[in-house]
Protein backbone atom coordinates (compact mmCIF):
# COMPACT_ATOMS: atom_id res chain seq x y z
CA MET A 1 -28.53 8.80 15.93
CA ASN A 2 -29.15 6.62 19.21
CA ILE A 3 -28.60 3.05 20.14
CA LYS A 4 -32.28 2.04 18.34
CA ASP A 5 -31.32 2.74 15.32
CA PHE A 6 -29.00 0.15 15.23
CA SER A 7 -29.48 -3.89 14.90
CA ILE A 8 -27.72 -6.99 15.83
CA SER A 9 -28.37 -10.54 13.53
CA THR A 10 -26.41 -13.47 13.31
CA ASP A 11 -27.15 -17.33 13.54
CA THR A 12 -24.41 -17.79 16.57
CA GLN A 13 -26.14 -20.01 19.56
CA ASN A 14 -25.22 -20.03 22.94
CA ALA A 15 -23.88 -15.91 23.56
CA GLU A 16 -24.89 -12.86 24.15
CA PHE A 17 -24.25 -9.76 21.97
CA ASP A 18 -24.22 -6.02 23.11
CA LEU A 19 -23.84 -2.45 21.52
CA ALA A 20 -23.07 0.27 23.60
CA ILE A 21 -22.41 4.24 22.57
CA THR A 22 -18.41 5.11 23.74
CA GLU A 23 -18.53 8.56 22.45
CA GLU A 24 -21.65 10.62 20.80
CA SER A 25 -20.95 14.26 19.37
CA ALA A 26 -22.84 16.05 16.03
CA THR A 27 -20.44 14.60 13.59
CA SER A 28 -19.08 11.23 15.50
CA LEU A 29 -20.36 8.42 17.06
CA VAL A 30 -18.08 5.21 18.21
CA LEU A 31 -20.24 2.31 19.70
CA LYS A 32 -18.35 -0.94 21.40
CA PHE A 33 -19.42 -4.04 20.10
CA THR A 34 -19.00 -7.36 22.90
CA MET A 35 -19.75 -10.67 22.85
CA LYS A 36 -19.58 -13.05 25.94
CA ALA A 37 -20.63 -17.21 26.01
CA GLU A 38 -20.55 -19.61 28.97
CA GLU A 39 -17.87 -21.83 26.82
CA LYS A 40 -15.61 -20.90 23.90
CA ILE A 41 -17.42 -21.39 20.60
CA VAL A 42 -16.63 -20.50 17.01
CA PRO A 43 -19.17 -17.41 16.23
CA SER A 44 -21.20 -17.32 13.51
CA PRO A 45 -20.99 -13.72 11.27
CA VAL A 46 -22.74 -11.20 13.65
CA LYS A 47 -23.96 -8.25 11.71
CA VAL A 48 -24.44 -4.89 13.00
CA GLU A 49 -26.62 -3.07 10.90
CA TRP A 50 -28.15 1.00 10.95
CA LYS A 51 -28.95 3.40 7.72
CA VAL A 52 -27.29 6.31 6.21
CA PRO A 53 -29.26 9.15 4.44
CA VAL A 54 -27.80 9.42 0.44
CA GLY A 55 -27.70 12.77 0.29
CA ASN A 56 -24.92 14.04 -2.08
CA ILE A 57 -23.19 10.44 -2.21
CA VAL A 58 -21.74 9.61 -5.48
CA SER A 59 -19.08 7.43 -4.90
CA VAL A 60 -17.47 4.60 -2.43
CA TRP A 61 -13.17 4.30 -1.31
CA GLY A 62 -12.10 1.29 0.50
CA PRO A 63 -8.26 0.66 0.99
CA LEU A 64 -8.32 -2.54 -1.46
CA LEU A 65 -12.01 -1.69 -3.68
CA GLY A 66 -9.64 -0.32 -6.60
CA PHE A 67 -11.52 0.52 -9.39
CA SER A 68 -14.86 -0.58 -7.53
CA ARG A 69 -15.90 2.98 -6.33
CA PHE A 70 -19.60 2.87 -7.77
CA ILE A 71 -22.62 2.85 -5.33
CA ALA A 72 -23.98 -0.92 -5.12
CA PRO A 73 -27.59 -1.99 -4.30
CA ASN A 74 -28.45 -3.11 -1.67
CA TRP A 75 -28.76 -6.75 -2.04
CA ARG A 76 -24.76 -6.50 -3.27
CA ARG A 77 -23.55 -4.16 -0.98
CA THR A 78 -20.21 -3.04 -1.56
CA LYS A 79 -17.83 -4.75 0.71
CA VAL A 80 -14.44 -4.15 2.19
CA GLU A 81 -12.82 -7.19 3.96
CA SER A 82 -10.42 -6.88 6.31
CA LYS A 83 -8.04 -9.19 9.02
CA THR A 84 -4.33 -9.36 9.76
CA ALA A 85 -3.12 -9.85 6.49
CA VAL A 86 -6.21 -8.56 4.39
CA GLY A 87 -7.30 -4.96 3.95
CA ALA A 88 -7.95 -2.09 6.38
CA PRO A 89 -11.57 -1.76 8.21
CA VAL A 90 -12.63 1.31 6.92
CA LEU A 91 -14.85 2.28 4.51
CA SER A 92 -15.96 6.02 2.99
CA LEU A 93 -18.74 7.31 1.50
CA ILE A 94 -18.08 10.38 -0.98
CA ASN A 95 -19.65 13.30 -1.80
CA ASN A 96 -19.65 14.89 -5.36
CA ASP A 97 -17.29 17.68 -4.09
CA GLY A 98 -14.64 14.79 -2.79
CA THR A 99 -16.04 15.36 1.00
CA SER A 100 -16.88 12.17 3.52
CA SER A 101 -20.60 12.31 4.05
CA CYS A 102 -19.69 9.13 6.17
CA THR A 103 -16.36 7.15 7.15
CA ILE A 104 -17.12 4.11 8.96
CA ALA A 105 -14.27 1.99 10.66
CA ILE A 106 -13.82 -0.92 13.42
CA SER A 107 -10.89 -0.78 16.00
CA ASP A 108 -9.94 -4.39 15.43
CA THR A 109 -7.56 -5.05 12.27
CA LYS A 110 -6.78 -8.53 12.86
CA THR A 111 -10.05 -10.47 13.34
CA PRO A 112 -12.12 -11.65 10.15
CA THR A 113 -14.28 -8.45 9.56
CA GLU A 114 -16.40 -6.36 6.81
CA ILE A 115 -17.99 -3.21 6.15
CA GLY A 116 -20.90 -2.89 3.65
CA ALA A 117 -22.74 -0.45 2.19
CA GLY A 118 -25.62 -0.58 -0.49
CA VAL A 119 -28.40 1.82 -1.66
CA SER A 120 -32.21 0.87 -0.57
CA GLU A 121 -34.39 0.73 -3.82
CA GLU A 122 -37.03 0.99 -1.50
CA GLU A 123 -35.61 4.01 1.26
CA ALA A 124 -33.41 5.77 -1.06
CA VAL A 125 -31.04 4.98 2.05
CA PHE A 126 -27.80 3.31 2.33
CA PHE A 127 -27.75 0.38 4.70
CA CYS A 128 -24.70 -0.16 6.12
CA ASN A 129 -23.07 -2.75 8.18
CA ALA A 130 -19.94 -3.86 10.43
CA THR A 131 -19.74 -7.66 10.40
CA PHE A 132 -17.68 -9.60 12.70
CA PHE A 133 -16.26 -13.57 12.66
CA THR A 134 -16.80 -13.08 8.51
CA SER A 135 -14.65 -16.21 8.32
CA TYR A 136 -13.48 -19.23 10.84
CA ILE A 137 -11.75 -18.17 14.03
CA SER A 138 -10.33 -20.17 16.96
CA PRO A 139 -12.80 -20.87 19.61
CA ILE A 140 -13.63 -18.01 22.10
CA ASP A 141 -15.62 -17.09 25.13
CA SER A 142 -15.49 -13.15 24.87
CA TYR A 143 -14.37 -10.35 22.16
CA GLU A 144 -15.31 -6.47 22.34
CA ALA A 145 -14.56 -4.09 19.17
CA TYR A 146 -15.40 -0.61 18.80
CA ILE A 147 -17.57 0.78 15.23
CA ARG A 148 -16.72 4.49 14.58
CA ILE A 149 -19.21 6.37 12.60
CA ASP A 150 -17.52 10.01 11.47
CA PHE A 151 -20.68 12.03 9.70
CA GLU A 152 -18.11 15.39 9.52
CA ASN A 153 -18.35 17.16 6.51
CA GLN A 154 -14.30 17.35 5.55
CA PRO A 155 -12.24 15.68 2.45
CA PHE A 156 -12.42 12.48 2.82
CA THR A 157 -8.55 11.78 2.64
CA ASP A 158 -9.05 13.75 6.09
CA SER A 159 -11.36 11.08 7.27
CA VAL A 160 -9.51 8.37 6.81
CA LYS A 161 -6.65 9.61 7.90
CA ARG A 162 -8.27 10.39 11.35
CA VAL A 163 -9.26 6.69 11.34
CA ASN A 164 -5.75 5.65 11.20
CA ALA A 165 -4.70 8.60 13.44
CA TRP A 166 -7.51 6.56 15.93
CA TRP A 167 -5.89 3.07 15.31
CA GLU A 168 -2.64 4.11 16.42
CA ASN A 169 -3.43 6.13 19.16
CA ASP A 170 -6.38 4.64 20.80
CA PHE A 171 -5.53 1.07 19.80
CA GLY A 172 -2.09 0.78 19.92
CA TYR A 173 -1.05 0.23 16.19
CA GLU A 174 1.85 2.11 16.37
CA LYS A 175 3.54 1.97 12.72
CA ALA A 176 7.23 0.67 12.99
CA TYR A 177 10.35 2.39 12.32
CA VAL A 178 11.34 3.76 8.72
CA PRO A 179 15.04 3.83 7.95
CA HIS A 180 15.58 6.66 5.49
CA GLU A 181 16.56 4.39 2.81
CA ALA A 182 12.93 2.85 2.68
CA TYR A 183 12.07 6.13 0.98
CA LEU A 184 14.87 6.16 -1.96
CA PRO A 185 14.00 4.57 -5.66
CA MET A 186 14.74 1.23 -5.72
CA ASN A 187 15.82 -1.07 -8.50
CA SER A 188 13.57 -4.61 -8.39
CA ALA A 189 14.83 -7.44 -10.49
CA TRP A 190 11.13 -8.77 -10.92
CA TYR A 191 9.74 -8.08 -13.88
CA SER A 192 13.23 -7.20 -15.44
CA PHE A 193 14.76 -10.66 -14.67
CA HIS A 194 12.03 -12.78 -13.38
CA GLN A 195 13.74 -15.63 -12.16
CA ALA A 196 16.37 -15.84 -15.12
CA LEU A 197 19.04 -14.01 -12.51
CA ASP A 198 22.36 -13.59 -13.30
CA PRO A 199 25.15 -12.16 -11.08
CA GLU A 200 27.05 -10.42 -13.51
CA ARG A 201 23.93 -8.76 -14.95
CA LEU A 202 22.71 -8.05 -11.67
CA ILE A 203 25.49 -6.35 -11.30
CA GLU A 204 25.87 -4.31 -14.71
CA GLU A 205 22.52 -3.14 -13.94
CA CYS A 206 23.23 -1.78 -10.30
CA ARG A 207 26.18 0.14 -11.82
CA ILE A 208 23.47 2.33 -14.14
CA SER A 209 20.96 2.33 -11.19
CA ALA A 210 23.71 3.75 -9.21
CA LYS A 211 24.37 6.58 -11.39
CA LEU A 212 20.48 7.05 -12.06
CA GLY A 213 19.88 7.76 -8.26
CA MET A 214 18.57 4.23 -7.00
CA LYS A 215 19.50 3.18 -3.81
CA THR A 216 18.60 -0.39 -3.25
CA ILE A 217 18.02 -3.52 -5.40
CA ILE A 218 15.38 -6.12 -4.45
CA ILE A 219 16.60 -9.31 -5.91
CA ASP A 220 13.45 -11.45 -6.41
CA ASP A 221 11.89 -15.06 -7.43
CA GLY A 222 14.91 -17.42 -8.87
CA TRP A 223 17.46 -17.12 -6.55
CA GLN A 224 16.75 -20.60 -4.90
CA THR A 225 16.03 -22.48 -7.75
CA THR A 226 17.30 -23.24 -10.93
CA ASP A 227 13.38 -23.85 -12.34
CA ASN A 228 12.27 -20.87 -14.63
CA ASN A 229 8.85 -22.03 -15.13
CA ARG A 230 7.23 -19.70 -11.98
CA GLY A 231 5.10 -21.72 -9.88
CA TYR A 232 6.76 -22.50 -5.85
CA ARG A 233 6.98 -26.53 -6.22
CA TYR A 234 10.84 -25.39 -5.47
CA CYS A 235 10.11 -22.92 -2.23
CA GLY A 236 10.80 -23.89 1.09
CA ASP A 237 14.07 -24.57 1.92
CA TRP A 238 15.46 -21.77 0.78
CA GLU A 239 18.95 -22.55 0.02
CA LEU A 240 20.98 -20.80 -3.03
CA ALA A 241 20.60 -21.99 -6.74
CA THR A 242 24.35 -21.82 -6.81
CA GLU A 243 23.80 -22.89 -10.69
CA LYS A 244 22.86 -19.35 -11.00
CA ILE A 245 24.25 -17.57 -8.23
CA PRO A 246 27.70 -18.99 -6.89
CA ASP A 247 28.11 -17.19 -3.90
CA MET A 248 25.28 -14.52 -3.14
CA LYS A 249 27.27 -12.84 0.13
CA LYS A 250 29.91 -12.45 -2.65
CA LEU A 251 27.56 -10.51 -5.18
CA THR A 252 26.03 -8.41 -2.12
CA ASP A 253 29.44 -7.05 -1.12
CA GLU A 254 29.88 -6.54 -5.15
CA ILE A 255 26.57 -4.52 -4.97
CA HIS A 256 27.38 -2.43 -2.24
CA LYS A 257 30.50 -1.31 -3.28
CA LEU A 258 28.67 0.50 -5.96
CA GLY A 259 26.64 2.11 -2.88
CA MET A 260 23.38 -0.04 -3.42
CA LYS A 261 21.43 -1.84 -0.77
CA VAL A 262 20.51 -5.55 -1.35
CA MET A 263 17.07 -6.84 -0.47
CA LEU A 264 15.46 -10.48 -1.13
CA TRP A 265 12.59 -12.51 -1.80
CA TYR A 266 10.80 -15.12 0.39
CA SER A 267 7.26 -16.55 -0.53
CA VAL A 268 6.95 -17.04 3.50
CA PRO A 269 4.06 -19.74 3.65
CA PHE A 270 5.17 -21.97 0.45
CA VAL A 271 6.72 -25.05 0.62
CA GLY A 272 7.04 -27.09 -2.06
CA ILE A 273 6.96 -30.66 -3.11
CA TYR A 274 10.30 -30.38 -4.46
CA SER A 275 11.48 -29.50 -1.27
CA LYS A 276 13.25 -30.99 1.56
CA ALA A 277 10.97 -28.92 3.92
CA TYR A 278 7.70 -31.02 2.52
CA GLU A 279 8.50 -33.77 4.57
CA ARG A 280 8.78 -32.21 7.57
CA PHE A 281 5.97 -29.89 6.97
CA LYS A 282 3.46 -31.76 5.46
CA ASP A 283 0.85 -32.63 8.64
CA MET A 284 1.72 -29.09 9.77
CA ALA A 285 0.12 -27.30 6.82
CA LEU A 286 -2.82 -25.17 5.92
CA ALA A 287 -3.74 -26.48 3.08
CA ASP A 288 -1.67 -28.16 0.25
CA GLU A 289 -2.51 -26.75 -2.97
CA LYS A 290 -1.31 -28.75 -5.46
CA GLY A 291 2.16 -29.62 -4.31
CA VAL A 292 2.85 -26.60 -2.52
CA LEU A 293 1.94 -26.36 1.17
CA VAL A 294 0.58 -23.44 2.99
CA VAL A 295 2.08 -23.89 6.50
CA ASP A 296 0.32 -23.86 9.19
CA LEU A 297 1.78 -20.95 11.67
CA ARG A 298 -0.49 -22.14 15.08
CA TYR A 299 2.65 -24.50 15.26
CA LYS A 300 6.12 -22.79 17.07
CA GLU A 301 8.45 -25.41 14.91
CA VAL A 302 6.56 -23.40 12.11
CA ARG A 303 7.41 -20.05 13.00
CA ASP A 304 10.87 -20.80 14.34
CA TYR A 305 12.20 -22.47 10.88
CA LEU A 306 10.93 -19.55 9.23
CA VAL A 307 12.63 -16.97 11.52
CA GLU A 308 15.81 -18.59 11.45
CA THR A 309 15.99 -18.70 7.78
CA TYR A 310 15.17 -15.01 7.50
CA VAL A 311 18.06 -14.27 10.14
CA ASN A 312 20.20 -16.68 8.58
CA ALA A 313 19.74 -15.25 5.61
CA VAL A 314 20.54 -11.19 6.46
CA LYS A 315 23.54 -12.84 8.69
CA ASN A 316 25.33 -14.76 5.91
CA PHE A 317 24.39 -13.02 2.89
CA GLY A 318 24.80 -9.59 3.75
CA LEU A 319 21.41 -8.83 3.66
CA ASN A 320 20.13 -5.14 3.98
CA GLY A 321 16.50 -6.32 3.96
CA LEU A 322 13.77 -9.16 3.34
CA LYS A 323 10.68 -9.03 0.46
CA LEU A 324 8.22 -10.90 2.94
CA ASP A 325 5.44 -12.35 0.29
CA PHE A 326 1.76 -14.00 0.38
CA ILE A 327 1.30 -13.48 3.91
CA ASP A 328 -2.38 -13.43 2.63
CA ARG A 329 -2.37 -16.98 2.36
CA PHE A 330 -2.12 -17.68 5.60
CA LYS A 331 -5.78 -18.19 6.46
CA LEU A 332 -8.00 -21.39 7.55
CA ARG A 333 -9.94 -23.84 4.96
CA ALA A 334 -12.18 -26.54 5.62
CA GLU A 335 -9.16 -29.03 5.63
CA SER A 336 -6.95 -27.07 8.00
CA PRO A 337 -6.45 -28.85 10.97
CA GLU A 338 -8.27 -28.06 14.45
CA VAL A 339 -6.49 -26.85 17.18
CA ASN A 340 -4.37 -29.82 18.98
CA ASP A 341 -1.81 -29.93 21.38
CA ARG A 342 1.03 -29.31 19.26
CA MET A 343 -0.08 -25.79 18.52
CA ASP A 344 1.19 -23.51 21.02
CA ILE A 345 -0.78 -20.40 19.95
CA PRO A 346 -4.71 -21.38 18.51
CA SER A 347 -5.48 -18.41 16.23
CA ILE A 348 -4.17 -18.05 13.03
CA GLU A 349 -4.31 -14.18 13.37
CA ASP A 350 -2.43 -14.69 16.22
CA ALA A 351 0.01 -16.70 15.12
CA LEU A 352 0.58 -14.33 12.12
CA GLU A 353 1.67 -11.94 14.36
CA SER A 354 3.39 -13.26 16.40
CA LEU A 355 5.38 -14.43 13.67
CA LEU A 356 5.79 -10.78 12.03
CA ALA A 357 6.92 -9.53 15.46
CA GLU A 358 9.47 -12.56 16.06
CA THR A 359 11.22 -11.57 12.64
CA LYS A 360 10.77 -8.13 13.45
CA ALA A 361 12.39 -8.49 16.69
CA GLU A 362 15.41 -10.95 15.75
CA LEU A 363 16.43 -8.80 12.66
CA VAL A 364 16.75 -5.45 14.20
CA LYS A 365 18.91 -7.08 16.49
CA ILE A 366 21.28 -7.73 13.24
CA ASP A 367 20.68 -3.86 11.94
CA PRO A 368 18.45 -1.64 13.28
CA GLU A 369 17.75 -0.08 9.92
CA ILE A 370 16.61 -2.93 8.41
CA LEU A 371 14.13 -3.37 5.17
CA LEU A 372 11.18 -4.94 5.42
CA GLU A 373 8.61 -4.82 2.52
CA PHE A 374 4.97 -6.40 2.29
CA ARG A 375 2.67 -5.44 -0.80
CA GLN A 376 -0.52 -5.10 -1.45
CA GLY A 377 -3.21 -6.07 0.03
CA TYR A 378 -2.02 -7.42 3.55
CA ILE A 379 -1.28 -3.46 4.36
CA GLY A 380 -3.31 -2.98 7.26
CA PRO A 381 -2.15 -1.69 11.16
CA THR A 382 -1.56 -5.16 12.55
CA VAL A 383 1.16 -5.68 9.23
CA LEU A 384 2.73 -2.34 9.62
CA LYS A 385 3.28 -2.50 13.24
CA TYR A 386 6.51 -4.83 11.43
CA GLY A 387 7.03 -3.65 8.17
CA ASN A 388 8.07 -0.59 7.17
CA MET A 389 7.76 -0.72 3.14
CA VAL A 390 4.13 -1.43 1.85
CA ARG A 391 4.38 -1.64 -1.63
CA VAL A 392 1.12 -1.24 -4.90
CA GLY A 393 0.13 -5.34 -5.79
CA ASP A 394 1.59 -6.47 -9.39
CA CYS A 395 -0.05 -4.27 -11.94
CA PRO A 396 2.63 -4.31 -14.95
CA TYR A 397 2.77 -1.19 -17.09
CA ASP A 398 -0.74 0.24 -15.34
CA SER A 399 -0.06 3.33 -14.62
CA LEU A 400 -3.21 4.47 -13.77
CA ARG A 401 -3.66 1.65 -10.79
CA ASN A 402 -0.20 2.27 -9.86
CA ARG A 403 -0.80 5.91 -8.88
CA MET A 404 -4.54 5.41 -7.57
CA HIS A 405 -2.94 2.62 -5.31
CA ILE A 406 -0.37 4.59 -4.43
CA ILE A 407 -2.93 7.21 -3.00
CA ASN A 408 -4.72 4.55 -1.44
CA LEU A 409 -1.88 3.16 0.63
CA ARG A 410 -0.75 6.74 1.56
CA LEU A 411 -4.15 7.33 3.00
CA THR A 412 -4.01 4.03 5.67
CA SER A 413 -0.37 3.99 5.96
CA GLY A 414 0.94 6.97 7.81
CA LYS A 415 4.61 6.98 7.71
CA THR A 416 5.15 3.58 6.34
CA ALA A 417 7.10 4.16 3.29
CA VAL A 418 4.57 3.48 0.23
CA HIS A 419 6.30 1.98 -2.42
CA SER A 420 5.09 1.91 -6.21
CA ASP A 421 4.25 -1.27 -8.37
CA MET A 422 7.71 -1.67 -10.81
CA ILE A 423 7.81 0.47 -13.56
CA MET A 424 8.37 -1.23 -16.67
CA TRP A 425 7.75 -0.28 -20.27
CA HIS A 426 9.16 -1.31 -23.67
CA LYS A 427 12.58 -0.36 -24.58
CA ASN A 428 11.17 1.25 -28.01
CA ALA A 429 8.48 2.93 -26.82
CA PRO A 430 8.16 6.78 -27.00
CA VAL A 431 10.13 9.11 -24.22
CA GLU A 432 6.72 10.13 -23.07
CA ALA A 433 5.79 6.36 -22.24
CA ALA A 434 8.31 5.90 -20.01
CA ALA A 435 8.04 9.56 -18.36
CA ARG A 436 4.34 8.52 -17.80
CA GLN A 437 5.15 5.95 -15.89
CA LEU A 438 7.77 7.38 -13.62
CA ILE A 439 5.68 10.44 -12.81
CA SER A 440 2.53 8.00 -11.50
CA THR A 441 4.96 6.77 -9.32
CA LEU A 442 6.06 10.63 -7.61
CA PHE A 443 3.72 10.45 -4.46
CA GLY A 444 4.87 6.97 -3.83
CA VAL A 445 8.84 5.58 -3.77
CA PRO A 446 9.77 4.47 -7.39
CA GLN A 447 10.52 1.13 -8.24
CA VAL A 448 12.29 0.83 -11.83
CA SER A 449 11.71 -2.54 -12.92
CA VAL A 450 13.24 -2.71 -16.46
CA ILE A 451 16.60 -3.87 -18.24
CA LEU A 452 18.63 -0.51 -18.06
CA LYS A 453 21.60 -1.70 -20.20
CA GLY A 454 20.75 -1.13 -23.80
CA LEU A 455 17.79 1.54 -22.89
CA SER A 456 18.24 4.89 -25.13
CA GLU A 457 19.43 7.79 -24.04
CA GLU A 458 16.58 9.74 -23.65
CA HIS A 459 15.25 6.72 -21.50
CA LEU A 460 18.04 6.81 -19.28
CA ASP A 461 18.09 10.67 -19.22
CA ALA A 462 14.01 10.64 -18.26
CA ILE A 463 15.15 8.10 -15.48
CA LYS A 464 17.40 9.99 -14.06
CA PHE A 465 15.60 13.06 -14.32
CA TRP A 466 12.33 11.59 -12.16
CA LEU A 467 14.40 9.82 -10.15
CA ASP A 468 16.67 13.07 -9.20
CA PHE A 469 13.17 15.15 -9.25
CA TYR A 470 11.83 12.73 -6.50
CA THR A 471 14.68 12.59 -4.40
CA GLU A 472 14.92 16.13 -4.26
CA ASN A 473 11.08 16.72 -3.47
CA ILE A 474 10.75 14.08 -1.09
CA ASP A 475 10.07 15.53 1.88
CA VAL A 476 6.97 17.88 -0.48
CA LEU A 477 6.12 14.39 -2.22
CA HIS A 478 5.88 12.43 1.62
CA SER A 479 3.98 15.53 3.08
CA GLU A 480 1.37 14.73 5.30
CA ASN A 481 -0.64 17.36 3.76
CA ILE A 482 -1.48 15.58 0.22
CA SER A 483 -5.07 16.24 -1.45
CA VAL A 484 -7.06 14.93 -4.30
CA LYS A 485 -9.52 15.48 -6.80
CA ASN A 486 -12.47 13.52 -8.05
CA PRO A 487 -12.07 10.26 -6.14
CA GLU A 488 -15.06 8.77 -8.16
CA LEU A 489 -12.73 9.44 -11.47
CA ASN A 490 -9.85 7.67 -9.73
CA PHE A 491 -8.26 10.77 -8.44
CA SER A 492 -7.90 13.40 -11.55
CA GLN A 493 -5.35 15.41 -9.83
CA VAL A 494 -2.85 14.87 -6.82
CA ARG A 495 -1.15 17.43 -5.00
CA ALA A 496 1.07 17.87 -1.99
CA GLU A 497 2.49 21.03 0.26
CA LYS A 498 5.14 21.65 2.43
CA ASP A 499 6.23 24.92 3.54
CA GLY A 500 4.76 27.05 0.89
CA ARG A 501 5.91 24.22 -1.84
CA VAL A 502 3.53 22.83 -3.93
CA ILE A 503 4.01 19.75 -6.19
CA GLY A 504 0.91 18.61 -7.94
CA VAL A 505 -0.22 16.37 -11.00
CA ASN A 506 -2.77 16.50 -13.32
CA TYR A 507 -3.52 13.33 -14.80
CA ALA A 508 -6.67 14.55 -16.29
CA ASN A 509 -7.21 18.22 -17.65
CA VAL A 510 -8.39 20.10 -14.28
CA PRO A 511 -7.34 23.30 -13.24
CA PHE A 512 -4.48 23.95 -10.75
CA GLU A 513 -5.89 25.76 -8.27
CA VAL A 514 -3.00 28.98 -7.37
CA LYS A 515 -2.64 30.64 -4.33
CA ARG A 516 -1.05 34.15 -3.62
CA PHE A 517 2.55 33.56 -2.43
CA ALA A 518 3.57 34.69 1.30
CA LYS A 519 7.13 34.82 0.91
CA ASN A 520 10.19 34.08 -1.35
CA GLY A 521 11.13 30.60 -2.03
CA GLU A 522 7.61 29.38 -2.10
CA ARG A 523 6.68 27.71 -5.12
CA CYS A 524 4.37 25.53 -7.30
CA ILE A 525 5.58 23.06 -9.75
CA PHE A 526 2.41 21.31 -11.89
CA ILE A 527 2.91 18.30 -14.17
CA ASN A 528 0.93 17.45 -17.10
CA SER A 529 0.13 13.92 -16.91
CA ALA A 530 -2.88 14.31 -18.98
CA ASP A 531 -3.15 13.77 -22.77
CA ASP A 532 -3.14 17.51 -23.73
CA ALA A 533 0.07 19.61 -23.98
CA TYR A 534 -1.67 22.18 -21.90
CA ILE A 535 -2.51 23.22 -18.06
CA CYS A 536 -4.86 25.34 -17.14
CA LEU A 537 -4.41 27.65 -13.89
CA ASN A 538 -7.04 29.05 -11.52
CA CYS A 539 -5.57 31.94 -9.61
CA ALA A 540 -8.47 32.62 -6.82
CA GLU A 541 -6.99 36.32 -6.48
CA ASP A 542 -4.63 38.30 -8.12
CA ILE A 543 -1.21 36.91 -7.45
CA GLY A 544 1.03 39.12 -9.44
CA SER A 545 4.19 38.91 -11.20
CA CYS A 546 5.67 35.35 -11.47
CA ARG A 547 8.44 33.66 -12.87
CA LEU A 548 7.21 30.95 -15.19
CA ARG A 549 9.33 28.39 -16.12
CA ILE A 550 7.72 25.38 -18.44
CA CYS A 551 9.91 21.97 -18.79
CA ASP A 552 9.47 18.89 -20.97
CA CYS A 553 9.26 15.25 -19.86
CA LEU A 554 13.31 15.54 -19.28
CA GLY A 555 13.30 18.62 -17.79
CA ARG A 556 14.93 20.71 -20.37
CA THR A 557 13.19 24.55 -20.43
CA VAL A 558 11.18 25.21 -23.29
CA SER A 559 9.97 28.49 -22.07
CA ASP A 560 11.17 30.80 -19.01
CA LYS A 561 9.28 33.75 -18.64
CA SER A 562 7.59 36.46 -15.95
CA LEU A 563 3.99 36.63 -16.19
CA GLU A 564 1.07 38.77 -14.32
CA LEU A 565 -1.20 36.28 -12.96
CA SER A 566 -4.76 37.83 -11.97
CA ALA A 567 -7.61 36.42 -10.70
CA GLY A 568 -9.13 33.74 -12.91
CA ALA A 569 -8.34 31.17 -15.68
CA ILE A 570 -5.08 31.16 -17.34
CA MET A 571 -4.36 28.82 -20.39
CA LEU A 572 -0.63 27.71 -20.42
CA ASN A 573 1.43 25.46 -23.17
CA VAL A 574 2.98 22.86 -21.29
CA PRO A 575 4.19 19.63 -23.03
CA VAL A 576 2.96 16.41 -22.38
CA CYS A 577 4.41 14.91 -19.16
CA GLY A 578 6.46 18.51 -18.50
CA PHE A 579 5.75 20.67 -16.21
CA VAL A 580 5.62 24.35 -15.01
CA GLU A 581 7.44 25.84 -12.21
CA ILE A 582 5.76 29.28 -10.83
CA SER A 583 7.67 31.49 -8.57
CA LYS A 584 7.41 34.95 -6.81
CA ASN A 585 9.67 37.54 -8.85
């Protein structure tokens, strides 16, 4: 491709736009996009557009596309939106064998942008675009960003990982330091308690959690209000609701004695009408959403208030971390105030990053190992400079969405600890149903959110086994060497490898590929999370004599034998949510 293959379109007046090729090879292209104006303006959207042959493309992938993997027509393109607290600017067009036909990325992850792709009925090509300034920004007189287009035939997962490295190495989006505790199983009190928090019950749950292998509890919404009707009209003061929890420091001390850490939830943007802070900030708000202010971070007073709130909580409550929620609500609306002299930062995107940077800097002074969680879809490179945990968005009991989004997040999050949405199930469900929820999170960090007291022994055994399995194999499960099959089917199989050890999970009946073991100590563990009680092995060559240990969903051995693995397909009877462990004889 050359520069003539690209077009620029916009309604922006009194500004000049330009494209220049800065890098070009047989498999990739990098374009520099620039804007210059004689005075500060608020630019309208600027679209850079080009065409890509359809080839063998069967699906698309983006960080927040979810189940929308289908190919869209040109007049309703698949879109990946991005800014500081929304998504990440990368889109991949995927061939039928799971390789990338074209992966598109933008260097700027703060400014509102959009990457789109749709098929032209007339030409049988994809019309692709990278669009800048897709929502209102503060006035500017210059701008530059880069568009990266990667045509190399490689697994699309590798292509996306290369984009992640490009952001980090070329544009300074280095990931935050991740404490080891961020990778360890946690108990989240949201689905289990919602707002009905009780100190004695929390301590009892932590006592059981610690025995099952959980190392942290996240105390969610409800600690700051006696109102249990959801909503955020009581948020903003962040004072302890002593009728529920008389002494938070005492509670955290008791939990610490059990060997667990404590994190606390905050809805960062919200100041409710029933808070004392409402009067203070009602003229420093981006919007008033039916009695709930979304405060305006462009005011230093707002940012200082929030940072002080978090610092005091960590100090006074003895916390080990914070869950900072809803930062994607920091966005300009039509009713948002225009830039004025009281604001020290005119850009809401810059102001949000300033808040994150100030918060992290102050909290790290208190505890260098502080845990900071953000949630999908604020999962982009800017946010991950400051948070060391990123969690799948709410999807209660949805094991499909949970494991799919864990993989999506793994591709763009680098070393950041990717967490599952909270795992829950009904106490009377079959033990396999509980195991399936746990297995769905193995390639992320499990967050369990069921009331443990009163669960059956089988359910407790399932939690204990799979959390122990996760912890014992954490280095493999979080290895950079992770691969998937059938992205167009929301990943039928996922596997991770490290130092000759392989862990794979089947979510559909897809053969597991087995290779010859190079040395003793290497092994494969293949988990059956499909609906039928079998696993198919596909041996690329004669493997030789191997030990095959088959276990059920509680890790109990049901078969242990030697078998000669010859080239070709081999069917094994493996219980649903059980696994086979293969090692060299």
